[in-house]
């Protein structure tokens, strides 16, 4: 946990640590993303990522695959059905309704 310290030196609040990954797009530009979640669905692993600089509040879902050199790549999901299943999973997990009546 990290403290935010105001200019007068008093702690403001504690923040939860977040995982940030840097990805390189097709134009060679590096962008930082916060990892919102990771899940294995039907034998494949997917990640939901939110751009650090994100004025619209949008996120992307990418598939983790092992490259020939043994490194892990994150790729876009081209299959519409697969994308729909994975997107629905993350929508439910990340933004599903909260049941305030549950004990």
PDB file of N, CA and C in Angstrom:
ATOM      1  N   UNK A   1       0.838  -1.177   0.000  1.00  0.00           N
ATOM      2  CA  UNK A   1       0.000   0.000   0.000  1.00  0.00           C
ATOM      3  C   UNK A   1       0.887   1.246   0.000  1.00  0.00           C
ATOM      4  N   UNK A   2       0.407   2.268  -0.653  1.00  0.00           N
ATOM      5  CA  UNK A   2       1.155   3.510  -0.724  1.00  0.00           C
ATOM      6  C   UNK A   2       0.307   4.636  -0.178  1.00  0.00           C
ATOM      7  N   UNK A   3       0.943   5.568   0.473  1.00  0.00           N
ATOM      8  CA  UNK A   3       0.243   6.746   0.981  1.00  0.00           C
ATOM      9  C   UNK A   3       0.379   7.883  -0.019  1.00  0.00           C
ATOM     10  N   UNK A   4      -0.706   8.639  -0.151  1.00  0.00           N
ATOM     11  CA  UNK A   4      -0.626   9.892  -0.884  1.00  0.00           C
ATOM     12  C   UNK A   4      -0.367  10.961   0.162  1.00  0.00           C
ATOM     13  N   UNK A   5       0.605  11.781  -0.069  1.00  0.00           N
ATOM     14  CA  UNK A   5       0.932  12.822   0.900  1.00  0.00           C
ATOM     15  C   UNK A   5       0.619  14.173   0.280  1.00  0.00           C
ATOM     16  N   UNK A   6      -0.184  14.951   0.983  1.00  0.00           N
ATOM     17  CA  UNK A   6      -0.508  16.298   0.526  1.00  0.00           C
ATOM     18  C   UNK A   6       0.739  17.165   0.611  1.00  0.00           C
ATOM     19  N   UNK A   7       0.684  18.321   0.000  1.00  0.00           N
ATOM     20  CA  UNK A   7       1.836  19.218   0.024  1.00  0.00           C
ATOM     21  C   UNK A   7       2.220  19.605   1.447  1.00  0.00           C
ATOM     22  N   UNK A   8       1.261  19.648   2.367  1.00  0.00           N
ATOM     23  CA  UNK A   8       1.591  20.003   3.752  1.00  0.00           C
ATOM     24  C   UNK A   8       2.157  18.809   4.529  1.00  0.00           C
ATOM     25  N   UNK A   9       2.275  17.642   3.864  1.00  0.00           N
ATOM     26  CA  UNK A   9       2.899  16.485   4.480  1.00  0.00           C
ATOM     27  C   UNK A   9       1.943  15.530   5.157  1.00  0.00           C
ATOM     28  N   UNK A  10       0.661  15.837   5.222  1.00  0.00           N
ATOM     29  CA  UNK A  10      -0.308  14.957   5.882  1.00  0.00           C
ATOM     30  C   UNK A  10      -0.783  13.882   4.909  1.00  0.00           C
ATOM     31  N   UNK A  11      -0.850  12.609   5.350  1.00  0.00           N
ATOM     32  CA  UNK A  11      -1.367  11.554   4.464  1.00  0.00           C
ATOM     33  C   UNK A  11      -2.822  11.833   4.104  1.00  0.00           C
ATOM     34  N   UNK A  12      -3.165  11.637   2.835  1.00  0.00           N
ATOM     35  CA  UNK A  12      -4.533  11.881   2.389  1.00  0.00           C
ATOM     36  C   UNK A  12      -5.351  10.597   2.419  1.00  0.00           C
ATOM     37  N   UNK A  13      -4.822   9.519   1.841  1.00  0.00           N
ATOM     38  CA  UNK A  13      -5.523   8.250   1.799  1.00  0.00           C
ATOM     39  C   UNK A  13      -4.538   7.174   1.390  1.00  0.00           C
ATOM     40  N   UNK A  14      -4.934   5.906   1.594  1.00  0.00           N
ATOM     41  CA  UNK A  14      -4.108   4.804   1.132  1.00  0.00           C
ATOM     42  C   UNK A  14      -4.658   4.307  -0.185  1.00  0.00           C
ATOM     43  N   UNK A  15      -3.754   3.959  -1.098  1.00  0.00           N
ATOM     44  CA  UNK A  15      -4.149   3.433  -2.393  1.00  0.00           C
ATOM     45  C   UNK A  15      -3.777   1.970  -2.480  1.00  0.00           C
ATOM     46  N   UNK A  16      -4.573   1.208  -3.215  1.00  0.00           N
ATOM     47  CA  UNK A  16      -4.265  -0.182  -3.475  1.00  0.00           C
ATOM     48  C   UNK A  16      -3.244  -0.241  -4.607  1.00  0.00           C
ATOM     49  N   UNK A  17      -2.259  -1.129  -4.495  1.00  0.00           N
ATOM     50  CA  UNK A  17      -1.277  -1.259  -5.566  1.00  0.00           C
ATOM     51  C   UNK A  17      -1.958  -1.862  -6.786  1.00  0.00           C
ATOM     52  N   UNK A  18      -1.578  -1.391  -7.957  1.00  0.00           N
ATOM     53  CA  UNK A  18      -2.148  -1.896  -9.205  1.00  0.00           C
ATOM     54  C   UNK A  18      -1.022  -2.369 -10.112  1.00  0.00           C
ATOM     55  N   UNK A  19      -1.344  -3.352 -10.953  1.00  0.00           N
ATOM     56  CA  UNK A  19      -0.392  -3.832 -11.943  1.00  0.00           C
ATOM     57  C   UNK A  19      -0.530  -2.977 -13.191  1.00  0.00           C
ATOM     58  N   UNK A  20       0.601  -2.516 -13.706  1.00  0.00           N
ATOM     59  CA  UNK A  20       0.622  -1.726 -14.928  1.00  0.00           C
ATOM     60  C   UNK A  20       1.522  -2.447 -15.927  1.00  0.00           C
ATOM     61  N   UNK A  21       1.021  -2.602 -17.158  1.00  0.00           N
ATOM     62  CA  UNK A  21       1.822  -3.200 -18.226  1.00  0.00           C
ATOM     63  C   UNK A  21       1.992  -2.167 -19.333  1.00  0.00           C
ATOM     64  N   UNK A  22       3.124  -2.235 -20.012  1.00  0.00           N
ATOM     65  CA  UNK A  22       3.397  -1.351 -21.139  1.00  0.00           C
ATOM     66  C   UNK A  22       3.306  -2.182 -22.409  1.00  0.00           C
ATOM     67  N   UNK A  23       2.445  -1.743 -23.324  1.00  0.00           N
ATOM     68  CA  UNK A  23       2.270  -2.441 -24.596  1.00  0.00           C
ATOM     69  C   UNK A  23       2.719  -1.531 -25.732  1.00  0.00           C
ATOM     70  N   UNK A  24       3.193  -2.143 -26.799  1.00  0.00           N
ATOM     71  CA  UNK A  24       3.597  -1.406 -27.985  1.00  0.00           C
ATOM     72  C   UNK A  24       2.559  -1.655 -29.065  1.00  0.00           C
ATOM     73  N   UNK A  25       1.966  -0.578 -29.598  1.00  0.00           N
ATOM     74  CA  UNK A  25       0.938  -0.740 -30.626  1.00  0.00           C
ATOM     75  C   UNK A  25       1.570  -0.956 -31.995  1.00  0.00           C
ATOM     76  N   UNK A  26       0.717  -1.101 -33.023  1.00  0.00           N
ATOM     77  CA  UNK A  26       1.197  -1.391 -34.373  1.00  0.00           C
ATOM     78  C   UNK A  26       2.028  -0.263 -34.972  1.00  0.00           C
ATOM     79  N   UNK A  27       1.957   0.941 -34.372  1.00  0.00           N
ATOM     80  CA  UNK A  27       2.754   2.074 -34.845  1.00  0.00           C
ATOM     81  C   UNK A  27       4.053   2.244 -34.064  1.00  0.00           C
ATOM     82  N   UNK A  28       4.321   1.324 -33.134  1.00  0.00           N
ATOM     83  CA  UNK A  28       5.535   1.393 -32.339  1.00  0.00           C
ATOM     84  C   UNK A  28       5.424   2.299 -31.123  1.00  0.00           C
ATOM     85  N   UNK A  29       4.228   2.815 -30.848  1.00  0.00           N
ATOM     86  CA  UNK A  29       4.021   3.697 -29.699  1.00  0.00           C
ATOM     87  C   UNK A  29       3.770   2.860 -28.441  1.00  0.00           C
ATOM     88  N   UNK A  30       4.449   3.205 -27.363  1.00  0.00           N
ATOM     89  CA  UNK A  30       4.270   2.496 -26.100  1.00  0.00           C
ATOM     90  C   UNK A  30       3.169   3.154 -25.284  1.00  0.00           C
ATOM     91  N   UNK A  31       2.265   2.329 -24.753  1.00  0.00           N
ATOM     92  CA  UNK A  31       1.156   2.798 -23.947  1.00  0.00           C
ATOM     93  C   UNK A  31       1.091   1.987 -22.662  1.00  0.00           C
ATOM     94  N   UNK A  32       0.791   2.656 -21.544  1.00  0.00           N
ATOM     95  CA  UNK A  32       0.670   1.980 -20.252  1.00  0.00           C
ATOM     96  C   UNK A  32      -0.787   1.641 -19.979  1.00  0.00           C
ATOM     97  N   UNK A  33      -1.016   0.425 -19.445  1.00  0.00           N
ATOM     98  CA  UNK A  33      -2.351  -0.047 -19.123  1.00  0.00           C
ATOM     99  C   UNK A  33      -2.382  -0.591 -17.705  1.00  0.00           C
ATOM    100  N   UNK A  34      -3.485  -0.341 -17.011  1.00  0.00           N
ATOM    101  CA  UNK A  34      -3.731  -0.923 -15.695  1.00  0.00           C
ATOM    102  C   UNK A  34      -4.437  -2.254 -15.926  1.00  0.00           C
ATOM    103  N   UNK A  35      -3.981  -3.302 -15.249  1.00  0.00           N
ATOM    104  CA  UNK A  35      -4.605  -4.613 -15.362  1.00  0.00           C
ATOM    105  C   UNK A  35      -5.853  -4.628 -14.481  1.00  0.00           C
ATOM    106  N   UNK A  36      -7.024  -4.719 -15.103  1.00  0.00           N
ATOM    107  CA  UNK A  36      -8.278  -4.778 -14.365  1.00  0.00           C
ATOM    108  C   UNK A  36      -8.603  -6.197 -13.925  1.00  0.00           C
ATOM    109  N   UNK A  37      -8.208  -7.159 -14.746  1.00  0.00           N
ATOM    110  CA  UNK A  37      -8.485  -8.548 -14.415  1.00  0.00           C
ATOM    111  C   UNK A  37      -7.858  -9.487 -15.415  1.00  0.00           C
ATOM    112  N   UNK A  38      -7.751 -10.741 -14.990  1.00  0.00           N
ATOM    113  CA  UNK A  38      -7.203 -11.797 -15.838  1.00  0.00           C
ATOM    114  C   UNK A  38      -8.020 -13.043 -15.553  1.00  0.00           C
ATOM    115  N   UNK A  39      -8.367 -13.792 -16.610  1.00  0.00           N
ATOM    116  CA  UNK A  39      -9.191 -14.978 -16.415  1.00  0.00           C
ATOM    117  C   UNK A  39      -8.871 -16.032 -17.465  1.00  0.00           C
ATOM    118  N   UNK A  40      -8.982 -17.296 -17.045  1.00  0.00           N
ATOM    119  CA  UNK A  40      -8.885 -18.404 -17.990  1.00  0.00           C
ATOM    120  C   UNK A  40     -10.303 -18.781 -18.364  1.00  0.00           C
ATOM    121  N   UNK A  41     -10.587 -18.751 -19.655  1.00  0.00           N
ATOM    122  CA  UNK A  41     -11.916 -19.057 -20.164  1.00  0.00           C
ATOM    123  C   UNK A  41     -11.763 -20.067 -21.289  1.00  0.00           C
ATOM    124  N   UNK A  42     -12.357 -21.235 -21.114  1.00  0.00           N
ATOM    125  CA  UNK A  42     -12.317 -22.295 -22.121  1.00  0.00           C
ATOM    126  C   UNK A  42     -10.894 -22.601 -22.582  1.00  0.00           C
ATOM    127  N   UNK A  43      -9.945 -22.651 -21.646  1.00  0.00           N
ATOM    128  CA  UNK A  43      -8.577 -23.048 -21.944  1.00  0.00           C
ATOM    129  C   UNK A  43      -7.639 -21.952 -22.412  1.00  0.00           C
ATOM    130  N   UNK A  44      -8.145 -20.739 -22.591  1.00  0.00           N
ATOM    131  CA  UNK A  44      -7.286 -19.619 -22.986  1.00  0.00           C
ATOM    132  C   UNK A  44      -7.311 -18.563 -21.890  1.00  0.00           C
ATOM    133  N   UNK A  45      -6.250 -17.762 -21.814  1.00  0.00           N
ATOM    134  CA  UNK A  45      -6.146 -16.726 -20.790  1.00  0.00           C
ATOM    135  C   UNK A  45      -6.336 -15.361 -21.445  1.00  0.00           C
ATOM    136  N   UNK A  46      -7.166 -14.534 -20.794  1.00  0.00           N
ATOM    137  CA  UNK A  46      -7.498 -13.209 -21.299  1.00  0.00           C
ATOM    138  C   UNK A  46      -7.232 -12.173 -20.218  1.00  0.00           C
ATOM    139  N   UNK A  47      -6.959 -10.945 -20.654  1.00  0.00           N
ATOM    140  CA  UNK A  47      -6.741  -9.845 -19.728  1.00  0.00           C
ATOM    141  C   UNK A  47      -7.612  -8.664 -20.109  1.00  0.00           C
ATOM    142  N   UNK A  48      -8.189  -8.013 -19.097  1.00  0.00           N
ATOM    143  CA  UNK A  48      -8.912  -6.759 -19.294  1.00  0.00           C
ATOM    144  C   UNK A  48      -7.974  -5.651 -18.842  1.00  0.00           C
ATOM    145  N   UNK A  49      -7.721  -4.693 -19.724  1.00  0.00           N
ATOM    146  CA  UNK A  49      -6.745  -3.637 -19.480  1.00  0.00           C
ATOM    147  C   UNK A  49      -7.379  -2.270 -19.732  1.00  0.00           C
ATOM    148  N   UNK A  50      -7.067  -1.333 -18.852  1.00  0.00           N
ATOM    149  CA  UNK A  50      -7.564   0.032 -18.991  1.00  0.00           C
ATOM    150  C   UNK A  50      -6.372   0.957 -19.224  1.00  0.00           C
ATOM    151  N   UNK A  51      -6.414   1.775 -20.273  1.00  0.00           N
ATOM    152  CA  UNK A  51      -5.308   2.715 -20.481  1.00  0.00           C
ATOM    153  C   UNK A  51      -5.130   3.615 -19.256  1.00  0.00           C
ATOM    154  N   UNK A  52      -3.883   3.871 -18.870  1.00  0.00           N
ATOM    155  CA  UNK A  52      -3.614   4.747 -17.721  1.00  0.00           C
ATOM    156  C   UNK A  52      -4.227   6.117 -17.979  1.00  0.00           C
ATOM    157  N   UNK A  53      -4.034   6.631 -19.168  1.00  0.00           N
ATOM    158  CA  UNK A  53      -4.651   7.901 -19.552  1.00  0.00           C
ATOM    159  C   UNK A  53      -5.943   7.544 -20.272  1.00  0.00           C
ATOM    160  N   UNK A  54      -7.060   7.589 -19.524  1.00  0.00           N
ATOM    161  CA  UNK A  54      -8.312   7.053 -20.034  1.00  0.00           C
ATOM    162  C   UNK A  54      -9.486   7.974 -19.719  1.00  0.00           C
ATOM    163  N   UNK A  55      -9.656   9.040 -20.482  1.00  0.00           N
ATOM    164  CA  UNK A  55     -10.742   9.973 -20.173  1.00  0.00           C
ATOM    165  C   UNK A  55     -12.142   9.405 -20.417  1.00  0.00           C
ATOM    166  N   UNK A  56     -12.286   8.393 -21.260  1.00  0.00           N
ATOM    167  CA  UNK A  56     -13.596   7.834 -21.569  1.00  0.00           C
ATOM    168  C   UNK A  56     -14.000   6.689 -20.653  1.00  0.00           C
ATOM    169  N   UNK A  57     -13.089   6.164 -19.829  1.00  0.00           N
ATOM    170  CA  UNK A  57     -13.410   5.046 -18.960  1.00  0.00           C
ATOM    171  C   UNK A  57     -13.548   3.719 -19.690  1.00  0.00           C
ATOM    172  N   UNK A  58     -12.942   3.597 -20.862  1.00  0.00           N
ATOM    173  CA  UNK A  58     -13.031   2.375 -21.648  1.00  0.00           C
ATOM    174  C   UNK A  58     -11.889   1.431 -21.297  1.00  0.00           C
ATOM    175  N   UNK A  59     -12.071   0.147 -21.650  1.00  0.00           N
ATOM    176  CA  UNK A  59     -11.004  -0.825 -21.446  1.00  0.00           C
ATOM    177  C   UNK A  59     -10.958  -1.758 -22.638  1.00  0.00           C
ATOM    178  N   UNK A  60      -9.847  -2.490 -22.762  1.00  0.00           N
ATOM    179  CA  UNK A  60      -9.673  -3.448 -23.849  1.00  0.00           C
ATOM    180  C   UNK A  60      -9.521  -4.839 -23.266  1.00  0.00           C
ATOM    181  N   UNK A  61      -9.886  -5.837 -24.068  1.00  0.00           N
ATOM    182  CA  UNK A  61      -9.718  -7.230 -23.681  1.00  0.00           C
ATOM    183  C   UNK A  61      -8.781  -7.864 -24.695  1.00  0.00           C
ATOM    184  N   UNK A  62      -7.700  -8.472 -24.204  1.00  0.00           N
ATOM    185  CA  UNK A  62      -6.706  -9.107 -25.072  1.00  0.00           C
ATOM    186  C   UNK A  62      -6.480 -10.547 -24.640  1.00  0.00           C
ATOM    187  N   UNK A  63      -6.024 -11.355 -25.567  1.00  0.00           N
ATOM    188  CA  UNK A  63      -5.757 -12.771 -25.322  1.00  0.00           C
ATOM    189  C   UNK A  63      -4.255 -12.980 -25.143  1.00  0.00           C
ATOM    190  N   UNK A  64      -3.875 -13.757 -24.124  1.00  0.00           N
ATOM    191  CA  UNK A  64      -2.471 -14.073 -23.887  1.00  0.00           C
ATOM    192  C   UNK A  64      -2.106 -15.321 -24.688  1.00  0.00           C
ATOM    193  N   UNK A  65      -1.041 -15.214 -25.462  1.00  0.00           N
ATOM    194  CA  UNK A  65      -0.540 -16.364 -26.214  1.00  0.00           C
ATOM    195  C   UNK A  65       0.972 -16.421 -26.058  1.00  0.00           C
ATOM    196  N   UNK A  66       1.499 -17.649 -26.111  1.00  0.00           N
ATOM    197  CA  UNK A  66       2.948 -17.809 -26.018  1.00  0.00           C
ATOM    198  C   UNK A  66       3.543 -17.740 -27.420  1.00  0.00           C
ATOM    199  N   UNK A  67       4.504 -16.848 -27.593  1.00  0.00           N
ATOM    200  CA  UNK A  67       5.179 -16.687 -28.876  1.00  0.00           C
ATOM    201  C   UNK A  67       6.193 -17.815 -29.063  1.00  0.00           C
ATOM    202  N   UNK A  68       6.697 -17.947 -30.271  1.00  0.00           N
ATOM    203  CA  UNK A  68       7.675 -18.996 -30.573  1.00  0.00           C
ATOM    204  C   UNK A  68       8.936 -18.872 -29.733  1.00  0.00           C
ATOM    205  N   UNK A  69       9.302 -17.640 -29.359  1.00  0.00           N
ATOM    206  CA  UNK A  69      10.520 -17.431 -28.566  1.00  0.00           C
ATOM    207  C   UNK A  69      10.272 -17.651 -27.072  1.00  0.00           C
ATOM    208  N   UNK A  70       9.057 -18.068 -26.706  1.00  0.00           N
ATOM    209  CA  UNK A  70       8.745 -18.344 -25.308  1.00  0.00           C
ATOM    210  C   UNK A  70       8.179 -17.163 -24.544  1.00  0.00           C
ATOM    211  N   UNK A  71       8.196 -15.984 -25.141  1.00  0.00           N
ATOM    212  CA  UNK A  71       7.631 -14.808 -24.484  1.00  0.00           C
ATOM    213  C   UNK A  71       6.111 -14.829 -24.604  1.00  0.00           C
ATOM    214  N   UNK A  72       5.460 -14.064 -23.758  1.00  0.00           N
ATOM    215  CA  UNK A  72       4.005 -13.952 -23.787  1.00  0.00           C
ATOM    216  C   UNK A  72       3.615 -12.715 -24.584  1.00  0.00           C
ATOM    217  N   UNK A  73       2.710 -12.898 -25.533  1.00  0.00           N
ATOM    218  CA  UNK A  73       2.170 -11.792 -26.320  1.00  0.00           C
ATOM    219  C   UNK A  73       0.712 -11.594 -25.940  1.00  0.00           C
ATOM    220  N   UNK A  74       0.249 -10.363 -26.035  1.00  0.00           N
ATOM    221  CA  UNK A  74      -1.163 -10.046 -25.876  1.00  0.00           C
ATOM    222  C   UNK A  74      -1.679  -9.647 -27.240  1.00  0.00           C
ATOM    223  N   UNK A  75      -2.709 -10.356 -27.710  1.00  0.00           N
ATOM    224  CA  UNK A  75      -3.213 -10.119 -29.058  1.00  0.00           C
ATOM    225  C   UNK A  75      -4.700  -9.768 -29.018  1.00  0.00           C
ATOM    226  N   UNK A  76      -5.157  -9.098 -30.061  1.00  0.00           N
ATOM    227  CA  UNK A  76      -6.580  -8.797 -30.164  1.00  0.00           C
ATOM    228  C   UNK A  76      -7.342 -10.086 -30.466  1.00  0.00           C
ATOM    229  N   UNK A  77      -8.615 -10.089 -30.123  1.00  0.00           N
ATOM    230  CA  UNK A  77      -9.472 -11.246 -30.356  1.00  0.00           C
ATOM    231  C   UNK A  77     -10.248 -10.977 -31.644  1.00  0.00           C
ATOM    232  N   UNK A  78      -9.926 -11.729 -32.701  1.00  0.00           N
ATOM    233  CA  UNK A  78     -10.534 -11.503 -34.006  1.00  0.00           C
ATOM    234  C   UNK A  78     -11.877 -12.213 -34.180  1.00  0.00           C
ATOM    235  N   UNK A  79     -12.083 -13.317 -33.483  1.00  0.00           N
ATOM    236  CA  UNK A  79     -13.323 -14.077 -33.605  1.00  0.00           C
ATOM    237  C   UNK A  79     -14.435 -13.373 -32.823  1.00  0.00           C
ATOM    238  N   UNK A  80     -15.508 -12.994 -33.513  1.00  0.00           N
ATOM    239  CA  UNK A  80     -16.594 -12.242 -32.886  1.00  0.00           C
ATOM    240  C   UNK A  80     -17.256 -12.998 -31.737  1.00  0.00           C
ATOM    241  N   UNK A  81     -17.497 -14.310 -31.909  1.00  0.00           N
ATOM    242  CA  UNK A  81     -18.135 -15.106 -30.853  1.00  0.00           C
ATOM    243  C   UNK A  81     -17.247 -15.195 -29.619  1.00  0.00           C
ATOM    244  N   UNK A  82     -15.962 -15.439 -29.836  1.00  0.00           N
ATOM    245  CA  UNK A  82     -15.010 -15.513 -28.726  1.00  0.00           C
ATOM    246  C   UNK A  82     -14.951 -14.177 -27.994  1.00  0.00           C
ATOM    247  N   UNK A  83     -14.879 -13.088 -28.751  1.00  0.00           N
ATOM    248  CA  UNK A  83     -14.813 -11.765 -28.149  1.00  0.00           C
ATOM    249  C   UNK A  83     -16.064 -11.484 -27.314  1.00  0.00           C
ATOM    250  N   UNK A  84     -17.213 -11.847 -27.820  1.00  0.00           N
ATOM    251  CA  UNK A  84     -18.475 -11.626 -27.109  1.00  0.00           C
ATOM    252  C   UNK A  84     -18.504 -12.392 -25.786  1.00  0.00           C
ATOM    253  N   UNK A  85     -18.091 -13.664 -25.808  1.00  0.00           N
ATOM    254  CA  UNK A  85     -18.064 -14.484 -24.581  1.00  0.00           C
ATOM    255  C   UNK A  85     -17.133 -13.876 -23.538  1.00  0.00           C
ATOM    256  N   UNK A  86     -15.937 -13.506 -23.971  1.00  0.00           N
ATOM    257  CA  UNK A  86     -14.934 -12.983 -23.047  1.00  0.00           C
ATOM    258  C   UNK A  86     -15.352 -11.601 -22.533  1.00  0.00           C
ATOM    259  N   UNK A  87     -15.862 -10.758 -23.408  1.00  0.00           N
ATOM    260  CA  UNK A  87     -16.320  -9.427 -22.993  1.00  0.00           C
ATOM    261  C   UNK A  87     -17.452  -9.523 -21.981  1.00  0.00           C
ATOM    262  N   UNK A  88     -18.400 -10.434 -22.225  1.00  0.00           N
ATOM    263  CA  UNK A  88     -19.504 -10.630 -21.288  1.00  0.00           C
ATOM    264  C   UNK A  88     -18.984 -11.084 -19.925  1.00  0.00           C
ATOM    265  N   UNK A  89     -17.997 -11.979 -19.930  1.00  0.00           N
ATOM    266  CA  UNK A  89     -17.417 -12.448 -18.661  1.00  0.00           C
ATOM    267  C   UNK A  89     -16.835 -11.279 -17.877  1.00  0.00           C
ATOM    268  N   UNK A  90     -16.004 -10.460 -18.537  1.00  0.00           N
ATOM    269  CA  UNK A  90     -15.376  -9.351 -17.824  1.00  0.00           C
ATOM    270  C   UNK A  90     -16.393  -8.289 -17.411  1.00  0.00           C
ATOM    271  N   UNK A  91     -17.401  -8.043 -18.230  1.00  0.00           N
ATOM    272  CA  UNK A  91     -18.450  -7.090 -17.838  1.00  0.00           C
ATOM    273  C   UNK A  91     -19.115  -7.553 -16.545  1.00  0.00           C
ATOM    274  N   UNK A  92     -19.438  -8.856 -16.470  1.00  0.00           N
ATOM    275  CA  UNK A  92     -20.075  -9.398 -15.271  1.00  0.00           C
ATOM    276  C   UNK A  92     -19.143  -9.335 -14.074  1.00  0.00           C
ATOM    277  N   UNK A  93     -17.872  -9.706 -14.275  1.00  0.00           N
ATOM    278  CA  UNK A  93     -16.907  -9.747 -13.174  1.00  0.00           C
ATOM    279  C   UNK A  93     -16.504  -8.358 -12.690  1.00  0.00           C
ATOM    280  N   UNK A  94     -16.285  -7.437 -13.614  1.00  0.00           N
ATOM    281  CA  UNK A  94     -15.762  -6.125 -13.250  1.00  0.00           C
ATOM    282  C   UNK A  94     -16.849  -5.113 -12.925  1.00  0.00           C
ATOM    283  N   UNK A  95     -17.973  -5.220 -13.609  1.00  0.00           N
ATOM    284  CA  UNK A  95     -18.986  -4.177 -13.474  1.00  0.00           C
ATOM    285  C   UNK A  95     -20.361  -4.744 -13.180  1.00  0.00           C
ATOM    286  N   UNK A  96     -20.407  -5.997 -12.728  1.00  0.00           N
ATOM    287  CA  UNK A  96     -21.694  -6.608 -12.402  1.00  0.00           C
ATOM    288  C   UNK A  96     -22.376  -5.876 -11.275  1.00  0.00           C
ATOM    289  N   UNK A  97     -23.666  -6.087 -11.178  1.00  0.00           N
ATOM    290  CA  UNK A  97     -24.435  -5.419 -10.132  1.00  0.00           C
ATOM    291  C   UNK A  97     -23.987  -5.909  -8.760  1.00  0.00           C
ATOM    292  N   UNK A  98     -23.942  -4.998  -7.816  1.00  0.00           N
ATOM    293  CA  UNK A  98     -23.594  -5.336  -6.446  1.00  0.00           C
ATOM    294  C   UNK A  98     -24.872  -5.597  -5.694  1.00  0.00           C
ATOM    295  N   UNK A  99     -24.924  -6.740  -4.996  1.00  0.00           N
ATOM    296  CA  UNK A  99     -26.104  -7.079  -4.199  1.00  0.00           C
ATOM    297  C   UNK A  99     -25.871  -6.598  -2.775  1.00  0.00           C
ATOM    298  N   UNK A 100     -26.453  -5.450  -2.451  1.00  0.00           N
ATOM    299  CA  UNK A 100     -26.254  -4.863  -1.141  1.00  0.00           C
ATOM    300  C   UNK A 100     -27.069  -5.561  -0.064  1.00  0.00           C
ATOM    301  N   UNK A 101     -28.020  -6.411  -0.464  1.00  0.00           N
ATOM    302  CA  UNK A 101     -28.827  -7.146   0.508  1.00  0.00           C
ATOM    303  C   UNK A 101     -28.186  -8.447   0.937  1.00  0.00           C
ATOM    304  N   UNK A 102     -27.139  -8.868   0.256  1.00  0.00           N
ATOM    305  CA  UNK A 102     -26.460 -10.132   0.598  1.00  0.00           C
ATOM    306  C   UNK A 102     -25.759  -9.991   1.930  1.00  0.00           C
ATOM    307  N   UNK A 103     -25.772 -11.069   2.690  1.00  0.00           N
ATOM    308  CA  UNK A 103     -25.097 -11.041   3.995  1.00  0.00           C
ATOM    309  C   UNK A 103     -23.767 -11.685   3.924  1.00  0.00           C
TER     310      UNK A 103
END
